Amino acid sequence: MSGIIRHAQGHFSYSAAKGGTVHLTKLMSTEFQKAQVRMNSIAPGYFPSEMIAKQSGPDMKSELPDEKVQKKGHVSAMRAGSDEEMAQAVLFLTKNAYVNGEILAVDGGVFNVVSGW
């Protein structure tokens, strides 16, 4: 999401790097279409990760309590995303051969509240 939203969130370099991945997706999708290779990206919202939770268990999994997401005030789903929801996004982009050059926001409704593009 940080490569798409207009709010710096206090980390300009991270947002700039994510913006670069958005543009790279667009460039690669255009270039690789000649070889019939599709290129898409996922812009995840709040999913449990070491970056957000600041820790993980021995199984390399992190937890992100609903209350922590709700405190953000801009996640319509009022909870973090699940592994299954991320997998569904991956499957969608994998299976739908008509999608190319897209950035799929899997964000629990953040872009309904925070300005994007």
PDB file of N, CA and C in Angstrom:
ATOM      1  N   MET A   1       0.806  -1.195   0.000  1.00  0.00           N
ATOM      2  CA  MET A   1       0.000   0.000   0.000  1.00  0.00           C
ATOM      3  C   MET A   1       0.849   1.258   0.000  1.00  0.00           C
ATOM      4  N   SER A   2       2.000   1.186   0.620  1.00  0.00           N
ATOM      5  CA  SER A   2       2.826   2.388   0.772  1.00  0.00           C
ATOM      6  C   SER A   2       3.296   2.959  -0.560  1.00  0.00           C
ATOM      7  N   GLY A   3       3.288   2.164  -1.607  1.00  0.00           N
ATOM      8  CA  GLY A   3       3.671   2.661  -2.922  1.00  0.00           C
ATOM      9  C   GLY A   3       2.537   3.316  -3.667  1.00  0.00           C
ATOM     10  N   ILE A   4       1.336   3.268  -3.105  1.00  0.00           N
ATOM     11  CA  ILE A   4       0.153   3.783  -3.790  1.00  0.00           C
ATOM     12  C   ILE A   4      -0.480   4.949  -3.045  1.00  0.00           C
ATOM     13  N   ILE A   5      -0.486   4.906  -1.709  1.00  0.00           N
ATOM     14  CA  ILE A   5      -1.188   5.949  -0.958  1.00  0.00           C
ATOM     15  C   ILE A   5      -0.413   7.260  -0.957  1.00  0.00           C
ATOM     16  N   ARG A   6      -1.107   8.332  -0.707  1.00  0.00           N
ATOM     17  CA  ARG A   6      -0.512   9.673  -0.738  1.00  0.00           C
ATOM     18  C   ARG A   6      -0.067  10.153   0.621  1.00  0.00           C
ATOM     19  N   HIS A   7      -0.141   9.320   1.624  1.00  0.00           N
ATOM     20  CA  HIS A   7       0.259   9.687   2.984  1.00  0.00           C
ATOM     21  C   HIS A   7       1.626   9.065   3.252  1.00  0.00           C
ATOM     22  N   ALA A   8       2.618   9.863   3.613  1.00  0.00           N
ATOM     23  CA  ALA A   8       3.990   9.380   3.779  1.00  0.00           C
ATOM     24  C   ALA A   8       4.163   8.449   4.972  1.00  0.00           C
ATOM     25  N   GLN A   9       3.292   8.520   5.947  1.00  0.00           N
ATOM     26  CA  GLN A   9       3.341   7.660   7.128  1.00  0.00           C
ATOM     27  C   GLN A   9       4.662   7.768   7.894  1.00  0.00           C
ATOM     28  N   GLY A  10       5.392   8.835   7.668  1.00  0.00           N
ATOM     29  CA  GLY A  10       6.638   9.035   8.399  1.00  0.00           C
ATOM     30  C   GLY A  10       7.820   8.243   7.877  1.00  0.00           C
ATOM     31  N   HIS A  11       7.666   7.593   6.745  1.00  0.00           N
ATOM     32  CA  HIS A  11       8.800   6.836   6.190  1.00  0.00           C
ATOM     33  C   HIS A  11       8.863   7.023   4.674  1.00  0.00           C
ATOM     34  N   PHE A  12       9.460   8.140   4.270  1.00  0.00           N
ATOM     35  CA  PHE A  12       9.542   8.517   2.860  1.00  0.00           C
ATOM     36  C   PHE A  12      10.326   7.505   2.027  1.00  0.00           C
ATOM     37  N   SER A  13      11.441   7.033   2.537  1.00  0.00           N
ATOM     38  CA  SER A  13      12.266   6.124   1.738  1.00  0.00           C
ATOM     39  C   SER A  13      11.559   4.798   1.495  1.00  0.00           C
ATOM     40  N   TYR A  14      10.845   4.286   2.493  1.00  0.00           N
ATOM     41  CA  TYR A  14      10.093   3.035   2.329  1.00  0.00           C
ATOM     42  C   TYR A  14       8.994   3.223   1.284  1.00  0.00           C
ATOM     43  N   SER A  15       8.260   4.324   1.371  1.00  0.00           N
ATOM     44  CA  SER A  15       7.195   4.593   0.407  1.00  0.00           C
ATOM     45  C   SER A  15       7.748   4.764  -1.002  1.00  0.00           C
ATOM     46  N   ALA A  16       8.890   5.431  -1.118  1.00  0.00           N
ATOM     47  CA  ALA A  16       9.515   5.598  -2.434  1.00  0.00           C
ATOM     48  C   ALA A  16       9.939   4.258  -3.013  1.00  0.00           C
ATOM     49  N   ALA A  17      10.481   3.389  -2.190  1.00  0.00           N
ATOM     50  CA  ALA A  17      10.877   2.053  -2.662  1.00  0.00           C
ATOM     51  C   ALA A  17       9.659   1.264  -3.121  1.00  0.00           C
ATOM     52  N   LYS A  18       8.569   1.341  -2.365  1.00  0.00           N
ATOM     53  CA  LYS A  18       7.345   0.632  -2.754  1.00  0.00           C
ATOM     54  C   LYS A  18       6.750   1.238  -4.028  1.00  0.00           C
ATOM     55  N   GLY A  19       6.852   2.551  -4.171  1.00  0.00           N
ATOM     56  CA  GLY A  19       6.411   3.191  -5.410  1.00  0.00           C
ATOM     57  C   GLY A  19       7.222   2.698  -6.603  1.00  0.00           C
ATOM     58  N   GLY A  20       8.492   2.422  -6.370  1.00  0.00           N
ATOM     59  CA  GLY A  20       9.343   1.862  -7.419  1.00  0.00           C
ATOM     60  C   GLY A  20       8.878   0.483  -7.844  1.00  0.00           C
ATOM     61  N   THR A  21       8.411  -0.330  -6.901  1.00  0.00           N
ATOM     62  CA  THR A  21       7.923  -1.662  -7.267  1.00  0.00           C
ATOM     63  C   THR A  21       6.625  -1.562  -8.064  1.00  0.00           C
ATOM     64  N   VAL A  22       5.809  -0.572  -7.762  1.00  0.00           N
ATOM     65  CA  VAL A  22       4.589  -0.354  -8.544  1.00  0.00           C
ATOM     66  C   VAL A  22       4.957  -0.030  -9.993  1.00  0.00           C
ATOM     67  N   HIS A  23       5.893   0.895 -10.167  1.00  0.00           N
ATOM     68  CA  HIS A  23       6.304   1.277 -11.516  1.00  0.00           C
ATOM     69  C   HIS A  23       7.015   0.119 -12.223  1.00  0.00           C
ATOM     70  N   LEU A  24       7.830  -0.621 -11.503  1.00  0.00           N
ATOM     71  CA  LEU A  24       8.513  -1.775 -12.090  1.00  0.00           C
ATOM     72  C   LEU A  24       7.507  -2.804 -12.604  1.00  0.00           C
ATOM     73  N   THR A  25       6.432  -3.013 -11.863  1.00  0.00           N
ATOM     74  CA  THR A  25       5.380  -3.923 -12.320  1.00  0.00           C
ATOM     75  C   THR A  25       4.809  -3.454 -13.649  1.00  0.00           C
ATOM     76  N   LYS A  26       4.533  -2.171 -13.759  1.00  0.00           N
ATOM     77  CA  LYS A  26       3.985  -1.619 -15.003  1.00  0.00           C
ATOM     78  C   LYS A  26       4.979  -1.764 -16.156  1.00  0.00           C
ATOM     79  N   LEU A  27       6.243  -1.447 -15.900  1.00  0.00           N
ATOM     80  CA  LEU A  27       7.263  -1.567 -16.949  1.00  0.00           C
ATOM     81  C   LEU A  27       7.436  -3.012 -17.400  1.00  0.00           C
ATOM     82  N   MET A  28       7.527  -3.923 -16.432  1.00  0.00           N
ATOM     83  CA  MET A  28       7.759  -5.325 -16.763  1.00  0.00           C
ATOM     84  C   MET A  28       6.559  -5.937 -17.479  1.00  0.00           C
ATOM     85  N   SER A  29       5.345  -5.549 -17.095  1.00  0.00           N
ATOM     86  CA  SER A  29       4.166  -6.094 -17.768  1.00  0.00           C
ATOM     87  C   SER A  29       4.140  -5.668 -19.228  1.00  0.00           C
ATOM     88  N   THR A  30       4.565  -4.446 -19.498  1.00  0.00           N
ATOM     89  CA  THR A  30       4.609  -3.962 -20.877  1.00  0.00           C
ATOM     90  C   THR A  30       5.704  -4.674 -21.667  1.00  0.00           C
ATOM     91  N   GLU A  31       6.863  -4.782 -21.078  1.00  0.00           N
ATOM     92  CA  GLU A  31       8.007  -5.386 -21.763  1.00  0.00           C
ATOM     93  C   GLU A  31       7.824  -6.889 -21.988  1.00  0.00           C
ATOM     94  N   PHE A  32       7.312  -7.585 -20.995  1.00  0.00           N
ATOM     95  CA  PHE A  32       7.213  -9.046 -21.075  1.00  0.00           C
ATOM     96  C   PHE A  32       6.001  -9.540 -21.844  1.00  0.00           C
ATOM     97  N   GLN A  33       5.050  -8.645 -22.171  1.00  0.00           N
ATOM     98  CA  GLN A  33       3.873  -9.114 -22.900  1.00  0.00           C
ATOM     99  C   GLN A  33       4.242  -9.659 -24.271  1.00  0.00           C
ATOM    100  N   LYS A  34       5.363  -9.198 -24.827  1.00  0.00           N
ATOM    101  CA  LYS A  34       5.829  -9.712 -26.119  1.00  0.00           C
ATOM    102  C   LYS A  34       6.153 -11.200 -26.030  1.00  0.00           C
ATOM    103  N   ALA A  35       6.566 -11.649 -24.849  1.00  0.00           N
ATOM    104  CA  ALA A  35       6.877 -13.062 -24.619  1.00  0.00           C
ATOM    105  C   ALA A  35       5.688 -13.788 -23.978  1.00  0.00           C
ATOM    106  N   GLN A  36       4.535 -13.139 -23.939  1.00  0.00           N
ATOM    107  CA  GLN A  36       3.305 -13.676 -23.348  1.00  0.00           C
ATOM    108  C   GLN A  36       3.476 -14.035 -21.872  1.00  0.00           C
ATOM    109  N   VAL A  37       4.234 -13.185 -21.179  1.00  0.00           N
ATOM    110  CA  VAL A  37       4.406 -13.328 -19.734  1.00  0.00           C
ATOM    111  C   VAL A  37       3.677 -12.166 -19.079  1.00  0.00           C
ATOM    112  N   ARG A  38       2.816 -12.466 -18.122  1.00  0.00           N
ATOM    113  CA  ARG A  38       2.076 -11.446 -17.406  1.00  0.00           C
ATOM    114  C   ARG A  38       2.820 -11.051 -16.130  1.00  0.00           C
ATOM    115  N   MET A  39       2.629  -9.820 -15.714  1.00  0.00           N
ATOM    116  CA  MET A  39       3.255  -9.324 -14.495  1.00  0.00           C
ATOM    117  C   MET A  39       2.238  -8.494 -13.727  1.00  0.00           C
ATOM    118  N   ASN A  40       1.967  -8.903 -12.493  1.00  0.00           N
ATOM    119  CA  ASN A  40       1.061  -8.194 -11.601  1.00  0.00           C
ATOM    120  C   ASN A  40       1.706  -8.127 -10.223  1.00  0.00           C
ATOM    121  N   SER A  41       1.183  -7.265  -9.377  1.00  0.00           N
ATOM    122  CA  SER A  41       1.689  -7.152  -8.007  1.00  0.00           C
ATOM    123  C   SER A  41       0.524  -7.094  -7.032  1.00  0.00           C
ATOM    124  N   ILE A  42       0.833  -7.427  -5.800  1.00  0.00           N
ATOM    125  CA  ILE A  42      -0.131  -7.309  -4.718  1.00  0.00           C
ATOM    126  C   ILE A  42       0.354  -6.225  -3.767  1.00  0.00           C
ATOM    127  N   ALA A  43      -0.551  -5.316  -3.433  1.00  0.00           N
ATOM    128  CA  ALA A  43      -0.269  -4.269  -2.447  1.00  0.00           C
ATOM    129  C   ALA A  43      -1.021  -4.645  -1.173  1.00  0.00           C
ATOM    130  N   PRO A  44      -0.350  -5.335  -0.261  1.00  0.00           N
ATOM    131  CA  PRO A  44      -1.053  -5.814   0.935  1.00  0.00           C
ATOM    132  C   PRO A  44      -1.301  -4.697   1.947  1.00  0.00           C
ATOM    133  N   GLY A  45      -2.418  -4.835   2.629  1.00  0.00           N
ATOM    134  CA  GLY A  45      -2.732  -3.943   3.737  1.00  0.00           C
ATOM    135  C   GLY A  45      -2.106  -4.497   4.998  1.00  0.00           C
ATOM    136  N   TYR A  46      -2.858  -4.473   6.076  1.00  0.00           N
ATOM    137  CA  TYR A  46      -2.345  -4.956   7.355  1.00  0.00           C
ATOM    138  C   TYR A  46      -2.494  -6.471   7.451  1.00  0.00           C
ATOM    139  N   PHE A  47      -1.368  -7.141   7.338  1.00  0.00           N
ATOM    140  CA  PHE A  47      -1.278  -8.588   7.508  1.00  0.00           C
ATOM    141  C   PHE A  47      -0.255  -8.844   8.602  1.00  0.00           C
ATOM    142  N   PRO A  48      -0.456  -9.872   9.393  1.00  0.00           N
ATOM    143  CA  PRO A  48       0.536 -10.174  10.430  1.00  0.00           C
ATOM    144  C   PRO A  48       1.921 -10.401   9.810  1.00  0.00           C
ATOM    145  N   SER A  49       2.902  -9.674  10.287  1.00  0.00           N
ATOM    146  CA  SER A  49       4.278  -9.827   9.814  1.00  0.00           C
ATOM    147  C   SER A  49       5.221  -9.318  10.897  1.00  0.00           C
ATOM    148  N   GLU A  50       6.464  -9.686  10.784  1.00  0.00           N
ATOM    149  CA  GLU A  50       7.449  -9.203  11.755  1.00  0.00           C
ATOM    150  C   GLU A  50       7.577  -7.684  11.685  1.00  0.00           C
ATOM    151  N   MET A  51       7.428  -7.118  10.496  1.00  0.00           N
ATOM    152  CA  MET A  51       7.572  -5.678  10.350  1.00  0.00           C
ATOM    153  C   MET A  51       6.489  -4.945  11.155  1.00  0.00           C
ATOM    154  N   ILE A  52       5.272  -5.431  11.118  1.00  0.00           N
ATOM    155  CA  ILE A  52       4.174  -4.762  11.814  1.00  0.00           C
ATOM    156  C   ILE A  52       4.089  -5.184  13.273  1.00  0.00           C
ATOM    157  N   ALA A  53       4.199  -6.480  13.536  1.00  0.00           N
ATOM    158  CA  ALA A  53       4.044  -6.992  14.903  1.00  0.00           C
ATOM    159  C   ALA A  53       5.318  -6.855  15.727  1.00  0.00           C
ATOM    160  N   LYS A  54       6.441  -6.629  15.076  1.00  0.00           N
ATOM    161  CA  LYS A  54       7.754  -6.484  15.726  1.00  0.00           C
ATOM    162  C   LYS A  54       8.268  -7.789  16.343  1.00  0.00           C
ATOM    163  N   GLN A  55       7.621  -8.908  16.026  1.00  0.00           N
ATOM    164  CA  GLN A  55       8.081 -10.202  16.534  1.00  0.00           C
ATOM    165  C   GLN A  55       7.384 -11.318  15.770  1.00  0.00           C
ATOM    166  N   SER A  56       7.920 -12.515  15.907  1.00  0.00           N
ATOM    167  CA  SER A  56       7.263 -13.702  15.355  1.00  0.00           C
ATOM    168  C   SER A  56       7.607 -14.881  16.247  1.00  0.00           C
ATOM    169  N   GLY A  57       6.807 -15.910  16.146  1.00  0.00           N
ATOM    170  CA  GLY A  57       7.018 -17.104  16.948  1.00  0.00           C
ATOM    171  C   GLY A  57       8.023 -18.035  16.303  1.00  0.00           C
ATOM    172  N   PRO A  58       8.277 -19.182  16.920  1.00  0.00           N
ATOM    173  CA  PRO A  58       9.221 -20.148  16.363  1.00  0.00           C
ATOM    174  C   PRO A  58       8.784 -20.685  15.001  1.00  0.00           C
ATOM    175  N   ASP A  59       7.489 -20.586  14.714  1.00  0.00           N
ATOM    176  CA  ASP A  59       6.975 -21.033  13.420  1.00  0.00           C
ATOM    177  C   ASP A  59       7.058 -19.927  12.362  1.00  0.00           C
ATOM    178  N   MET A  60       7.709 -18.810  12.704  1.00  0.00           N
ATOM    179  CA  MET A  60       7.879 -17.646  11.826  1.00  0.00           C
ATOM    180  C   MET A  60       6.553 -16.955  11.519  1.00  0.00           C
ATOM    181  N   LYS A  61       5.571 -17.137  12.367  1.00  0.00           N
ATOM    182  CA  LYS A  61       4.275 -16.492  12.215  1.00  0.00           C
ATOM    183  C   LYS A  61       4.157 -15.361  13.226  1.00  0.00           C
ATOM    184  N   SER A  62       3.481 -14.302  12.838  1.00  0.00           N
ATOM    185  CA  SER A  62       3.241 -13.166  13.723  1.00  0.00           C
ATOM    186  C   SER A  62       1.753 -13.025  13.956  1.00  0.00           C
ATOM    187  N   GLU A  63       1.415 -12.346  15.022  1.00  0.00           N
ATOM    188  CA  GLU A  63       0.020 -12.075  15.326  1.00  0.00           C
ATOM    189  C   GLU A  63      -0.218 -10.575  15.298  1.00  0.00           C
ATOM    190  N   LEU A  64      -1.378 -10.197  14.845  1.00  0.00           N
ATOM    191  CA  LEU A  64      -1.765  -8.793  14.801  1.00  0.00           C
ATOM    192  C   LEU A  64      -3.189  -8.692  15.332  1.00  0.00           C
ATOM    193  N   PRO A  65      -3.329  -8.359  16.629  1.00  0.00           N
ATOM    194  CA  PRO A  65      -4.659  -8.308  17.246  1.00  0.00           C
ATOM    195  C   PRO A  65      -5.578  -7.297  16.570  1.00  0.00           C
ATOM    196  N   ASP A  66      -6.866  -7.624  16.524  1.00  0.00           N
ATOM    197  CA  ASP A  66      -7.857  -6.729  15.917  1.00  0.00           C
ATOM    198  C   ASP A  66      -7.795  -5.335  16.530  1.00  0.00           C
ATOM    199  N   GLU A  67      -7.576  -5.263  17.844  1.00  0.00           N
ATOM    200  CA  GLU A  67      -7.552  -3.966  18.527  1.00  0.00           C
ATOM    201  C   GLU A  67      -6.456  -3.060  17.965  1.00  0.00           C
ATOM    202  N   LYS A  68      -5.320  -3.627  17.631  1.00  0.00           N
ATOM    203  CA  LYS A  68      -4.213  -2.829  17.094  1.00  0.00           C
ATOM    204  C   LYS A  68      -4.581  -2.272  15.714  1.00  0.00           C
ATOM    205  N   VAL A  69      -5.243  -3.072  14.910  1.00  0.00           N
ATOM    206  CA  VAL A  69      -5.680  -2.611  13.588  1.00  0.00           C
ATOM    207  C   VAL A  69      -6.779  -1.564  13.741  1.00  0.00           C
ATOM    208  N   GLN A  70      -7.699  -1.795  14.647  1.00  0.00           N
ATOM    209  CA  GLN A  70      -8.806  -0.864  14.860  1.00  0.00           C
ATOM    210  C   GLN A  70      -8.315   0.504  15.316  1.00  0.00           C
ATOM    211  N   LYS A  71      -7.213   0.545  16.080  1.00  0.00           N
ATOM    212  CA  LYS A  71      -6.642   1.823  16.533  1.00  0.00           C
ATOM    213  C   LYS A  71      -6.159   2.673  15.373  1.00  0.00           C
ATOM    214  N   LYS A  72      -5.811   2.036  14.249  1.00  0.00           N
ATOM    215  CA  LYS A  72      -5.361   2.783  13.075  1.00  0.00           C
ATOM    216  C   LYS A  72      -6.467   3.708  12.574  1.00  0.00           C
ATOM    217  N   GLY A  73      -7.716   3.256  12.674  1.00  0.00           N
ATOM    218  CA  GLY A  73      -8.847   4.094  12.316  1.00  0.00           C
ATOM    219  C   GLY A  73      -9.155   4.178  10.838  1.00  0.00           C
ATOM    220  N   HIS A  74      -8.430   3.453   9.995  1.00  0.00           N
ATOM    221  CA  HIS A  74      -8.694   3.556   8.559  1.00  0.00           C
ATOM    222  C   HIS A  74      -8.760   2.193   7.859  1.00  0.00           C
ATOM    223  N   VAL A  75      -9.018   1.141   8.615  1.00  0.00           N
ATOM    224  CA  VAL A  75      -9.156  -0.188   8.032  1.00  0.00           C
ATOM    225  C   VAL A  75     -10.622  -0.594   8.179  1.00  0.00           C
ATOM    226  N   SER A  76     -11.358  -0.504   7.082  1.00  0.00           N
ATOM    227  CA  SER A  76     -12.794  -0.763   7.123  1.00  0.00           C
ATOM    228  C   SER A  76     -13.132  -2.146   7.660  1.00  0.00           C
ATOM    229  N   ALA A  77     -12.304  -3.145   7.378  1.00  0.00           N
ATOM    230  CA  ALA A  77     -12.553  -4.513   7.835  1.00  0.00           C
ATOM    231  C   ALA A  77     -12.361  -4.657   9.339  1.00  0.00           C
ATOM    232  N   MET A  78     -11.677  -3.688   9.960  1.00  0.00           N
ATOM    233  CA  MET A  78     -11.450  -3.664  11.414  1.00  0.00           C
ATOM    234  C   MET A  78     -10.621  -4.845  11.920  1.00  0.00           C
ATOM    235  N   ARG A  79      -9.817  -5.446  11.045  1.00  0.00           N
ATOM    236  CA  ARG A  79      -8.973  -6.575  11.423  1.00  0.00           C
ATOM    237  C   ARG A  79      -7.862  -6.712  10.395  1.00  0.00           C
ATOM    238  N   ALA A  80      -6.874  -7.505  10.737  1.00  0.00           N
ATOM    239  CA  ALA A  80      -5.793  -7.799   9.792  1.00  0.00           C
ATOM    240  C   ALA A  80      -6.267  -8.833   8.781  1.00  0.00           C
ATOM    241  N   GLY A  81      -5.568  -8.899   7.668  1.00  0.00           N
ATOM    242  CA  GLY A  81      -5.850  -9.918   6.670  1.00  0.00           C
ATOM    243  C   GLY A  81      -5.313 -11.266   7.113  1.00  0.00           C
ATOM    244  N   SER A  82      -5.829 -12.320   6.502  1.00  0.00           N
ATOM    245  CA  SER A  82      -5.405 -13.681   6.852  1.00  0.00           C
ATOM    246  C   SER A  82      -4.553 -14.287   5.740  1.00  0.00           C
ATOM    247  N   ASP A  83      -3.860 -15.358   6.080  1.00  0.00           N
ATOM    248  CA  ASP A  83      -3.085 -16.097   5.076  1.00  0.00           C
ATOM    249  C   ASP A  83      -3.980 -16.537   3.924  1.00  0.00           C
ATOM    250  N   GLU A  84      -5.188 -16.976   4.251  1.00  0.00           N
ATOM    251  CA  GLU A  84      -6.118 -17.449   3.225  1.00  0.00           C
ATOM    252  C   GLU A  84      -6.512 -16.326   2.278  1.00  0.00           C
ATOM    253  N   GLU A  85      -6.706 -15.130   2.810  1.00  0.00           N
ATOM    254  CA  GLU A  85      -7.087 -14.000   1.955  1.00  0.00           C
ATOM    255  C   GLU A  85      -5.944 -13.601   1.028  1.00  0.00           C
ATOM    256  N   MET A  86      -4.721 -13.674   1.514  1.00  0.00           N
ATOM    257  CA  MET A  86      -3.587 -13.399   0.637  1.00  0.00           C
ATOM    258  C   MET A  86      -3.473 -14.475  -0.436  1.00  0.00           C
ATOM    259  N   ALA A  87      -3.678 -15.733  -0.041  1.00  0.00           N
ATOM    260  CA  ALA A  87      -3.619 -16.837  -1.008  1.00  0.00           C
ATOM    261  C   ALA A  87      -4.684 -16.673  -2.088  1.00  0.00           C
ATOM    262  N   GLN A  88      -5.865 -16.202  -1.717  1.00  0.00           N
ATOM    263  CA  GLN A  88      -6.927 -15.984  -2.699  1.00  0.00           C
ATOM    264  C   GLN A  88      -6.521 -14.926  -3.721  1.00  0.00           C
ATOM    265  N   ALA A  89      -5.835 -13.885  -3.271  1.00  0.00           N
ATOM    266  CA  ALA A  89      -5.355 -12.849  -4.190  1.00  0.00           C
ATOM    267  C   ALA A  89      -4.320 -13.420  -5.153  1.00  0.00           C
ATOM    268  N   VAL A  90      -3.412 -14.227  -4.618  1.00  0.00           N
ATOM    269  CA  VAL A  90      -2.382 -14.852  -5.464  1.00  0.00           C
ATOM    270  C   VAL A  90      -3.040 -15.758  -6.501  1.00  0.00           C
ATOM    271  N   LEU A  91      -4.002 -16.560  -6.062  1.00  0.00           N
ATOM    272  CA  LEU A  91      -4.697 -17.454  -6.991  1.00  0.00           C
ATOM    273  C   LEU A  91      -5.452 -16.680  -8.063  1.00  0.00           C
ATOM    274  N   PHE A  92      -6.093 -15.585  -7.673  1.00  0.00           N
ATOM    275  CA  PHE A  92      -6.800 -14.756  -8.645  1.00  0.00           C
ATOM    276  C   PHE A  92      -5.842 -14.271  -9.738  1.00  0.00           C
ATOM    277  N   LEU A  93      -4.708 -13.710  -9.326  1.00  0.00           N
ATOM    278  CA  LEU A  93      -3.759 -13.187 -10.312  1.00  0.00           C
ATOM    279  C   LEU A  93      -3.106 -14.303 -11.129  1.00  0.00           C
ATOM    280  N   THR A  94      -2.980 -15.466 -10.531  1.00  0.00           N
ATOM    281  CA  THR A  94      -2.381 -16.598 -11.237  1.00  0.00           C
ATOM    282  C   THR A  94      -3.338 -17.189 -12.263  1.00  0.00           C
ATOM    283  N   LYS A  95      -4.583 -17.340 -11.874  1.00  0.00           N
ATOM    284  CA  LYS A  95      -5.555 -18.031 -12.711  1.00  0.00           C
ATOM    285  C   LYS A  95      -6.198 -17.165 -13.794  1.00  0.00           C
ATOM    286  N   ASN A  96      -6.290 -15.866 -13.580  1.00  0.00           N
ATOM    287  CA  ASN A  96      -6.968 -15.004 -14.536  1.00  0.00           C
ATOM    288  C   ASN A  96      -5.963 -14.481 -15.565  1.00  0.00           C
ATOM    289  N   ALA A  97      -5.939 -15.114 -16.716  1.00  0.00           N
ATOM    290  CA  ALA A  97      -4.966 -14.781 -17.758  1.00  0.00           C
ATOM    291  C   ALA A  97      -5.257 -13.445 -18.439  1.00  0.00           C
ATOM    292  N   TYR A  98      -6.384 -12.836 -18.117  1.00  0.00           N
ATOM    293  CA  TYR A  98      -6.758 -11.576 -18.744  1.00  0.00           C
ATOM    294  C   TYR A  98      -6.295 -10.366 -17.933  1.00  0.00           C
ATOM    295  N   VAL A  99      -5.657 -10.610 -16.804  1.00  0.00           N
ATOM    296  CA  VAL A  99      -5.172  -9.534 -15.937  1.00  0.00           C
ATOM    297  C   VAL A  99      -3.667  -9.390 -16.145  1.00  0.00           C
ATOM    298  N   ASN A 100      -3.236  -8.181 -16.497  1.00  0.00           N
ATOM    299  CA  ASN A 100      -1.816  -7.925 -16.716  1.00  0.00           C
ATOM    300  C   ASN A 100      -1.498  -6.476 -16.379  1.00  0.00           C
ATOM    301  N   GLY A 101      -0.426  -6.272 -15.624  1.00  0.00           N
ATOM    302  CA  GLY A 101       0.017  -4.920 -15.288  1.00  0.00           C
ATOM    303  C   GLY A 101      -0.769  -4.274 -14.168  1.00  0.00           C
ATOM    304  N   GLU A 102      -1.415  -5.076 -13.343  1.00  0.00           N
ATOM    305  CA  GLU A 102      -2.256  -4.540 -12.287  1.00  0.00           C
ATOM    306  C   GLU A 102      -1.592  -4.619 -10.918  1.00  0.00           C
ATOM    307  N   ILE A 103      -1.954  -3.691 -10.078  1.00  0.00           N
ATOM    308  CA  ILE A 103      -1.561  -3.693  -8.676  1.00  0.00           C
ATOM    309  C   ILE A 103      -2.842  -3.986  -7.897  1.00  0.00           C
ATOM    310  N   LEU A 104      -2.927  -5.150  -7.303  1.00  0.00           N
ATOM    311  CA  LEU A 104      -4.129  -5.562  -6.580  1.00  0.00           C
ATOM    312  C   LEU A 104      -3.976  -5.208  -5.107  1.00  0.00           C
ATOM    313  N   ALA A 105      -4.789  -4.276  -4.643  1.00  0.00           N
ATOM    314  CA  ALA A 105      -4.769  -3.892  -3.232  1.00  0.00           C
ATOM    315  C   ALA A 105      -5.617  -4.886  -2.450  1.00  0.00           C
ATOM    316  N   VAL A 106      -4.989  -5.583  -1.530  1.00  0.00           N
ATOM    317  CA  VAL A 106      -5.675  -6.503  -0.621  1.00  0.00           C
ATOM    318  C   VAL A 106      -5.531  -5.844   0.748  1.00  0.00           C
ATOM    319  N   ASP A 107      -6.434  -4.917   1.040  1.00  0.00           N
ATOM    320  CA  ASP A 107      -6.189  -3.959   2.122  1.00  0.00           C
ATOM    321  C   ASP A 107      -7.296  -3.815   3.152  1.00  0.00           C
ATOM    322  N   GLY A 108      -8.324  -4.626   3.094  1.00  0.00           N
ATOM    323  CA  GLY A 108      -9.386  -4.516   4.079  1.00  0.00           C
ATOM    324  C   GLY A 108     -10.174  -3.225   4.002  1.00  0.00           C
ATOM    325  N   GLY A 109     -10.091  -2.534   2.871  1.00  0.00           N
ATOM    326  CA  GLY A 109     -10.850  -1.304   2.682  1.00  0.00           C
ATOM    327  C   GLY A 109     -10.106  -0.020   2.988  1.00  0.00           C
ATOM    328  N   VAL A 110      -8.793  -0.088   3.145  1.00  0.00           N
ATOM    329  CA  VAL A 110      -8.023   1.120   3.476  1.00  0.00           C
ATOM    330  C   VAL A 110      -8.191   2.202   2.405  1.00  0.00           C
ATOM    331  N   PHE A 111      -8.205   1.805   1.133  1.00  0.00           N
ATOM    332  CA  PHE A 111      -8.311   2.810   0.070  1.00  0.00           C
ATOM    333  C   PHE A 111      -9.688   3.456  -0.009  1.00  0.00           C
ATOM    334  N   ASN A 112     -10.651   2.946   0.747  1.00  0.00           N
ATOM    335  CA  ASN A 112     -11.935   3.634   0.869  1.00  0.00           C
ATOM    336  C   ASN A 112     -11.828   4.843   1.794  1.00  0.00           C
ATOM    337  N   VAL A 113     -10.766   4.872   2.597  1.00  0.00           N
ATOM    338  CA  VAL A 113     -10.590   5.916   3.601  1.00  0.00           C
ATOM    339  C   VAL A 113      -9.377   6.803   3.298  1.00  0.00           C
ATOM    340  N   VAL A 114      -8.269   6.195   2.876  1.00  0.00           N
ATOM    341  CA  VAL A 114      -7.011   6.905   2.633  1.00  0.00           C
ATOM    342  C   VAL A 114      -6.839   7.127   1.138  1.00  0.00           C
ATOM    343  N   SER A 115      -6.392   8.312   0.739  1.00  0.00           N
ATOM    344  CA  SER A 115      -6.217   8.635  -0.679  1.00  0.00           C
ATOM    345  C   SER A 115      -5.131   7.797  -1.326  1.00  0.00           C
ATOM    346  N   GLY A 116      -5.446   7.255  -2.481  1.00  0.00           N
ATOM    347  CA  GLY A 116      -4.485   6.532  -3.292  1.00  0.00           C
ATOM    348  C   GLY A 116      -4.153   7.328  -4.533  1.00  0.00           C
ATOM    349  N   TRP A 117      -3.634   6.651  -5.502  1.00  0.00           N
ATOM    350  CA  TRP A 117      -3.217   7.220  -6.784  1.00  0.00           C
ATOM    351  C   TRP A 117      -3.629   8.661  -6.880  1.00  0.00           C
TER     352      TRP A 117
END
